[in-house]
Amino acid sequence: MAVLVILVGTKVVSSSASPQIDPVVDVELTISESRWDFGDVSMSEGVTTKTISLTNDSTTPVTITNLETSCMCTTAQIVHPDGSKSGLKGMVGHGGGTSGLSETVQAGETITVLINFDPNAHGPNGTGPITRTITMKTNSQSQSEIELSFSGNVIK
């Protein structure tokens, strides 16, 4: 006896989908520093932090729609002038949650990107030179992606 099974596909639409963010033209955020070297980073001193400023000198708001890091040892978050913060973002798939967000940098506003590097994340033998990146996507057509990167040397 043969059994015939017919599967019918159904499109599922999530009610929690991110709102569509319209692109903006001729707007770029000014970055205080895009590359830096932490030098020697001691495991015994724990997490090392860095703050980078992003300034919107235009008259049009810009929205950061994605934030992720290249390694689980690095996390980042947006901090607004009023002290409000985005969720902590990291390497997607390795405890960093999702990379999507919607953080608007208002016209004339300066925000901070708070970056944390944990030299102990790779265990006691994770010493030596490192290079990591933080990538942000925006709704700016002329600056759709911002990449920050740092280097250092992890020591015990």
Protein backbone atom coordinates (compact mmCIF):
# COMPACT_ATOMS: atom_id res chain seq x y z
CA MET A 1 0.00 0.00 0.00
CA ALA A 2 1.44 3.36 -1.03
CA VAL A 3 0.80 6.55 0.90
CA LEU A 4 0.88 9.91 -0.81
CA VAL A 5 1.75 12.90 1.33
CA ILE A 6 1.24 16.38 -0.05
CA LEU A 7 2.88 19.29 1.72
CA VAL A 8 1.51 22.75 1.19
CA GLY A 9 3.84 25.65 1.98
CA THR A 10 2.67 28.58 4.02
CA LYS A 11 4.33 31.94 4.29
CA VAL A 12 4.68 33.02 7.90
CA VAL A 13 4.97 36.72 8.56
CA SER A 14 6.33 37.82 11.90
CA SER A 15 4.62 40.70 13.64
CA SER A 16 7.95 41.65 15.22
CA ALA A 17 9.64 42.43 11.91
CA SER A 18 11.90 45.49 11.92
CA PRO A 19 10.34 48.61 10.49
CA GLN A 20 11.57 49.66 7.07
CA ILE A 21 14.12 52.46 7.42
CA ASP A 22 14.29 54.81 4.47
CA PRO A 23 17.74 55.46 3.02
CA VAL A 24 19.27 58.94 3.27
CA VAL A 25 21.64 60.54 0.76
CA ASP A 26 24.68 62.77 1.17
CA VAL A 27 24.90 62.17 4.93
CA GLU A 28 27.95 60.68 6.62
CA LEU A 29 28.90 60.32 10.25
CA THR A 30 32.27 61.73 11.32
CA ILE A 31 34.32 59.11 13.18
CA SER A 32 36.77 60.21 15.88
CA GLU A 33 39.06 57.23 15.27
CA SER A 34 38.64 54.19 13.05
CA ARG A 35 41.82 52.24 13.90
CA TRP A 36 43.86 51.95 17.08
CA ASP A 37 46.36 49.73 18.85
CA PHE A 38 45.77 48.70 22.45
CA GLY A 39 49.45 47.69 22.73
CA ASP A 40 50.04 44.98 25.33
CA VAL A 41 46.77 43.80 26.87
CA SER A 42 47.29 41.91 30.11
CA MET A 43 45.00 38.98 30.85
CA SER A 44 45.36 39.71 34.56
CA GLU A 45 43.89 43.22 34.10
CA GLY A 46 40.73 41.92 32.42
CA VAL A 47 38.49 43.70 29.93
CA THR A 48 39.93 46.68 28.05
CA THR A 49 37.56 49.36 26.77
CA LYS A 50 37.63 52.08 24.15
CA THR A 51 35.11 54.76 23.21
CA ILE A 52 34.75 56.11 19.70
CA SER A 53 32.61 59.15 18.85
CA LEU A 54 30.32 59.30 15.82
CA THR A 55 29.02 62.78 14.96
CA ASN A 56 26.18 63.66 12.61
CA ASP A 57 27.12 67.13 11.29
CA SER A 58 24.23 67.13 8.83
CA THR A 59 20.62 68.25 9.13
CA THR A 60 19.30 64.72 8.49
CA PRO A 61 19.11 61.88 11.05
CA VAL A 62 21.11 58.71 10.30
CA THR A 63 20.13 55.30 11.64
CA ILE A 64 22.57 52.55 12.58
CA THR A 65 20.78 49.35 11.56
CA ASN A 66 23.37 46.72 12.40
CA LEU A 67 26.31 46.32 14.78
CA GLU A 68 28.51 43.25 15.09
CA THR A 69 32.05 42.26 15.97
CA SER A 70 34.47 39.87 14.34
CA CYS A 71 35.12 37.77 17.44
CA MET A 72 33.36 36.61 20.60
CA CYS A 73 36.03 38.38 22.66
CA THR A 74 34.74 41.77 21.52
CA THR A 75 31.42 43.48 22.27
CA ALA A 76 30.11 46.93 21.43
CA GLN A 77 27.11 49.14 22.10
CA ILE A 78 25.81 52.57 21.19
CA VAL A 79 25.60 55.17 23.98
CA HIS A 80 23.50 58.31 23.37
CA PRO A 81 24.20 61.70 25.00
CA ASP A 82 21.30 61.16 27.43
CA GLY A 83 22.97 57.95 28.68
CA SER A 84 20.56 55.55 26.96
CA LYS A 85 22.28 52.52 25.44
CA SER A 86 21.61 49.96 22.77
CA GLY A 87 21.81 46.33 23.69
CA LEU A 88 25.30 44.86 23.89
CA LYS A 89 26.27 43.42 20.48
CA GLY A 90 28.98 40.93 19.61
CA MET A 91 29.81 38.19 17.17
CA VAL A 92 26.56 36.83 15.80
CA GLY A 93 26.18 33.13 16.54
CA HIS A 94 28.67 33.18 19.42
CA GLY A 95 26.74 34.70 22.27
CA GLY A 96 26.46 38.09 20.58
CA GLY A 97 22.76 37.75 19.91
CA THR A 98 21.45 39.40 16.80
CA SER A 99 23.28 42.19 15.04
CA GLY A 100 20.21 44.17 13.98
CA LEU A 101 19.21 47.35 15.74
CA SER A 102 17.73 50.75 15.10
CA GLU A 103 19.74 53.51 16.78
CA THR A 104 19.21 56.97 15.31
CA VAL A 105 21.91 59.63 15.39
CA GLN A 106 19.98 62.89 15.26
CA ALA A 107 21.17 65.88 13.23
CA GLY A 108 23.93 67.62 15.19
CA GLU A 109 24.23 64.77 17.69
CA THR A 110 27.36 62.91 18.78
CA ILE A 111 27.01 59.35 20.04
CA THR A 112 29.60 57.01 21.49
CA VAL A 113 30.43 53.46 20.49
CA LEU A 114 31.62 51.65 23.63
CA ILE A 115 33.92 48.75 22.71
CA ASN A 116 34.99 46.01 25.14
CA PHE A 117 37.80 43.54 24.46
CA ASP A 118 38.15 40.56 26.83
CA PRO A 119 41.69 39.14 26.59
CA ASN A 120 40.61 36.06 28.57
CA ALA A 121 37.88 34.99 26.14
CA HIS A 122 40.17 32.55 24.34
CA GLY A 123 41.48 30.85 27.45
CA PRO A 124 44.84 30.89 29.21
CA ASN A 125 46.78 30.05 26.04
CA GLY A 126 45.12 32.78 23.93
CA THR A 127 48.14 35.06 23.94
CA GLY A 128 49.84 36.90 21.10
CA PRO A 129 48.93 39.48 18.47
CA ILE A 130 45.25 40.13 17.70
CA THR A 131 43.27 42.19 15.21
CA ARG A 132 39.50 42.65 15.59
CA THR A 133 36.79 44.61 13.78
CA ILE A 134 33.51 46.24 14.69
CA THR A 135 31.14 46.73 11.76
CA MET A 136 28.12 49.02 11.69
CA LYS A 137 25.60 49.38 8.89
CA THR A 138 23.64 52.58 8.39
CA ASN A 139 20.83 53.85 6.20
CA SER A 140 23.21 56.36 4.57
CA GLN A 141 23.68 55.60 0.89
CA SER A 142 27.15 57.18 0.87
CA GLN A 143 28.29 55.50 4.11
CA SER A 144 26.33 52.26 4.30
CA GLU A 145 29.03 50.55 6.35
CA ILE A 146 31.42 51.82 9.01
CA GLU A 147 34.30 49.61 10.06
CA LEU A 148 36.37 50.13 13.17
CA SER A 149 39.40 47.97 13.88
CA PHE A 150 41.95 47.50 16.59
CA SER A 151 45.05 45.50 17.22
CA GLY A 152 46.95 44.53 20.31
CA ASN A 153 49.14 41.92 21.89
CA VAL A 154 47.57 39.70 24.56
CA ILE A 155 49.98 38.84 27.36
CA LYS A 156 49.58 36.82 30.58
